[in-house]
Amino acid sequence: MVDQAVVEREVIEALQRCYDPEIPVNIYELGLIYDLTVAPDGAVDIRMTLTAPNCPAAQELPAEVERAVRSVPGVTGARVEIVFDPPWDRCKMSDAAKLKLGLL
């Protein structure tokens, strides 16, 4: 058994170190993470999207996310699912991301 809240917080911190190579904002603040679940045994499931279905990072980014999640203490496994429904748009970004990109 792991402390799911602690692991979730640390997974989010790890995700905040992952960047879309074309945008200088981390994927968490961009709103690309749609769902994050930590099971009692430490398995982590992530549903995420990309900024566009033909995103150049489509091959590398999910693997980078999985590596980042697996590096968190207490994580016993990681599964990353890419989804495009609902499609990503700017309204999913945090205010910090919008500010950094000059959208606020």
C-alpha atoms as a PDB file:
ATOM      1  CA  MET A   1       0.000   0.000   0.000  1.00  0.00           C
ATOM      2  CA  VAL A   2       1.186   3.489  -0.850  1.00  0.00           C
ATOM      3  CA  ASP A   3      -0.020   6.876   0.280  1.00  0.00           C
ATOM      4  CA  GLN A   4      -1.963   7.652  -2.883  1.00  0.00           C
ATOM      5  CA  ALA A   5      -2.188  11.394  -2.203  1.00  0.00           C
ATOM      6  CA  VAL A   6       1.585  11.675  -1.743  1.00  0.00           C
ATOM      7  CA  VAL A   7       2.308   9.613  -4.858  1.00  0.00           C
ATOM      8  CA  GLU A   8      -0.199  11.658  -6.879  1.00  0.00           C
ATOM      9  CA  ARG A   9       1.423  14.911  -5.776  1.00  0.00           C
ATOM     10  CA  GLU A  10       4.883  13.586  -6.699  1.00  0.00           C
ATOM     11  CA  VAL A  11       3.621  12.293 -10.061  1.00  0.00           C
ATOM     12  CA  ILE A  12       2.233  15.765 -10.806  1.00  0.00           C
ATOM     13  CA  GLU A  13       5.624  17.249  -9.920  1.00  0.00           C
ATOM     14  CA  ALA A  14       7.257  14.776 -12.330  1.00  0.00           C
ATOM     15  CA  LEU A  15       4.764  15.699 -15.061  1.00  0.00           C
ATOM     16  CA  GLN A  16       5.608  19.359 -14.533  1.00  0.00           C
ATOM     17  CA  ARG A  17       9.125  18.508 -15.751  1.00  0.00           C
ATOM     18  CA  CYS A  18       7.805  17.149 -19.089  1.00  0.00           C
ATOM     19  CA  TYR A  19       7.460  19.597 -21.955  1.00  0.00           C
ATOM     20  CA  ASP A  20       5.915  19.601 -25.391  1.00  0.00           C
ATOM     21  CA  PRO A  21       9.039  20.338 -27.474  1.00  0.00           C
ATOM     22  CA  GLU A  22       7.281  23.129 -29.388  1.00  0.00           C
ATOM     23  CA  ILE A  23       5.779  24.984 -26.398  1.00  0.00           C
ATOM     24  CA  PRO A  24       7.793  26.338 -23.430  1.00  0.00           C
ATOM     25  CA  VAL A  25       5.192  25.217 -20.867  1.00  0.00           C
ATOM     26  CA  ASN A  26       5.038  21.859 -19.093  1.00  0.00           C
ATOM     27  CA  ILE A  27       2.368  19.366 -20.149  1.00  0.00           C
ATOM     28  CA  TYR A  28       0.531  19.565 -16.821  1.00  0.00           C
ATOM     29  CA  GLU A  29       0.068  23.349 -17.020  1.00  0.00           C
ATOM     30  CA  LEU A  30      -0.843  23.015 -20.712  1.00  0.00           C
ATOM     31  CA  GLY A  31      -3.792  20.876 -19.657  1.00  0.00           C
ATOM     32  CA  LEU A  32      -2.677  17.808 -21.595  1.00  0.00           C
ATOM     33  CA  ILE A  33      -3.272  15.517 -18.593  1.00  0.00           C
ATOM     34  CA  TYR A  34      -6.976  14.646 -18.545  1.00  0.00           C
ATOM     35  CA  ASP A  35      -6.957  12.020 -15.796  1.00  0.00           C
ATOM     36  CA  LEU A  36      -4.462  10.726 -13.257  1.00  0.00           C
ATOM     37  CA  THR A  37      -5.252   7.737 -11.045  1.00  0.00           C
ATOM     38  CA  VAL A  38      -3.015   6.168  -8.410  1.00  0.00           C
ATOM     39  CA  ALA A  39      -4.083   2.705  -7.265  1.00  0.00           C
ATOM     40  CA  PRO A  40      -3.434   1.502  -3.692  1.00  0.00           C
ATOM     41  CA  ASP A  41      -0.645  -0.753  -5.014  1.00  0.00           C
ATOM     42  CA  GLY A  42       1.159   2.202  -6.641  1.00  0.00           C
ATOM     43  CA  ALA A  43       0.080   1.587 -10.240  1.00  0.00           C
ATOM     44  CA  VAL A  44      -0.548   4.853 -12.073  1.00  0.00           C
ATOM     45  CA  ASP A  45      -2.923   5.326 -15.005  1.00  0.00           C
ATOM     46  CA  ILE A  46      -2.806   8.523 -17.027  1.00  0.00           C
ATOM     47  CA  ARG A  47      -5.158   9.678 -19.766  1.00  0.00           C
ATOM     48  CA  MET A  48      -3.598  12.485 -21.730  1.00  0.00           C
ATOM     49  CA  THR A  49      -3.873  14.207 -25.051  1.00  0.00           C
ATOM     50  CA  LEU A  50      -1.617  16.097 -27.413  1.00  0.00           C
ATOM     51  CA  THR A  51      -2.003  19.641 -28.687  1.00  0.00           C
ATOM     52  CA  ALA A  52      -2.956  18.178 -32.086  1.00  0.00           C
ATOM     53  CA  PRO A  53      -3.451  14.633 -33.425  1.00  0.00           C
ATOM     54  CA  ASN A  54      -0.508  15.101 -35.805  1.00  0.00           C
ATOM     55  CA  CYS A  55       1.735  16.541 -33.083  1.00  0.00           C
ATOM     56  CA  PRO A  56       5.418  15.877 -33.873  1.00  0.00           C
ATOM     57  CA  ALA A  57       5.906  14.721 -30.263  1.00  0.00           C
ATOM     58  CA  ALA A  58       3.253  11.993 -30.597  1.00  0.00           C
ATOM     59  CA  GLN A  59       5.829   9.208 -30.453  1.00  0.00           C
ATOM     60  CA  GLU A  60       8.216  10.595 -27.832  1.00  0.00           C
ATOM     61  CA  LEU A  61       5.969  12.393 -25.354  1.00  0.00           C
ATOM     62  CA  PRO A  62       3.975   9.388 -24.039  1.00  0.00           C
ATOM     63  CA  ALA A  63       7.221   7.459 -23.463  1.00  0.00           C
ATOM     64  CA  GLU A  64       8.731  10.471 -21.680  1.00  0.00           C
ATOM     65  CA  VAL A  65       5.635  10.737 -19.475  1.00  0.00           C
ATOM     66  CA  GLU A  66       5.806   7.035 -18.630  1.00  0.00           C
ATOM     67  CA  ARG A  67       9.508   7.304 -17.708  1.00  0.00           C
ATOM     68  CA  ALA A  68       8.840  10.363 -15.531  1.00  0.00           C
ATOM     69  CA  VAL A  69       5.978   8.639 -13.718  1.00  0.00           C
ATOM     70  CA  ARG A  70       7.959   5.417 -13.171  1.00  0.00           C
ATOM     71  CA  SER A  71      10.773   7.463 -11.587  1.00  0.00           C
ATOM     72  CA  VAL A  72       8.511   8.516  -8.695  1.00  0.00           C
ATOM     73  CA  PRO A  73       9.104   6.582  -5.450  1.00  0.00           C
ATOM     74  CA  GLY A  74       6.167   4.298  -4.682  1.00  0.00           C
ATOM     75  CA  VAL A  75       5.074   3.927  -8.311  1.00  0.00           C
ATOM     76  CA  THR A  76       4.952   0.239  -9.228  1.00  0.00           C
ATOM     77  CA  GLY A  77       3.798   0.673 -12.810  1.00  0.00           C
ATOM     78  CA  ALA A  78       2.628   3.293 -15.257  1.00  0.00           C
ATOM     79  CA  ARG A  79       0.169   3.202 -18.126  1.00  0.00           C
ATOM     80  CA  VAL A  80      -0.244   6.194 -20.427  1.00  0.00           C
ATOM     81  CA  GLU A  81      -3.230   6.348 -22.751  1.00  0.00           C
ATOM     82  CA  ILE A  82      -3.423   8.979 -25.493  1.00  0.00           C
ATOM     83  CA  VAL A  83      -6.942  10.234 -26.194  1.00  0.00           C
ATOM     84  CA  PHE A  84      -8.279  12.930 -28.504  1.00  0.00           C
ATOM     85  CA  ASP A  85     -11.779  13.217 -27.087  1.00  0.00           C
ATOM     86  CA  PRO A  86     -12.320  15.854 -25.945  1.00  0.00           C
ATOM     87  CA  PRO A  87      -9.891  17.663 -28.228  1.00  0.00           C
ATOM     88  CA  TRP A  88      -7.363  19.915 -26.532  1.00  0.00           C
ATOM     89  CA  ASP A  89      -7.767  23.663 -26.785  1.00  0.00           C
ATOM     90  CA  ARG A  90      -6.321  26.709 -25.041  1.00  0.00           C
ATOM     91  CA  CYS A  91      -9.066  26.848 -22.422  1.00  0.00           C
ATOM     92  CA  LYS A  92      -7.538  23.732 -20.807  1.00  0.00           C
ATOM     93  CA  MET A  93      -4.328  25.625 -19.962  1.00  0.00           C
ATOM     94  CA  SER A  94      -3.711  26.940 -16.473  1.00  0.00           C
ATOM     95  CA  ASP A  95      -3.589  30.692 -15.953  1.00  0.00           C
ATOM     96  CA  ALA A  96       0.168  30.359 -15.330  1.00  0.00           C
ATOM     97  CA  ALA A  97       0.604  28.737 -18.753  1.00  0.00           C
ATOM     98  CA  LYS A  98      -1.513  31.392 -20.449  1.00  0.00           C
ATOM     99  CA  LEU A  99       0.505  34.117 -18.744  1.00  0.00           C
ATOM    100  CA  LYS A 100       3.812  32.549 -19.798  1.00  0.00           C
ATOM    101  CA  LEU A 101       2.603  32.339 -23.410  1.00  0.00           C
ATOM    102  CA  GLY A 102       1.285  35.908 -23.374  1.00  0.00           C
ATOM    103  CA  LEU A 103      -2.357  34.868 -23.632  1.00  0.00           C
ATOM    104  CA  LEU A 104      -3.482  36.757 -20.497  1.00  0.00           C
END
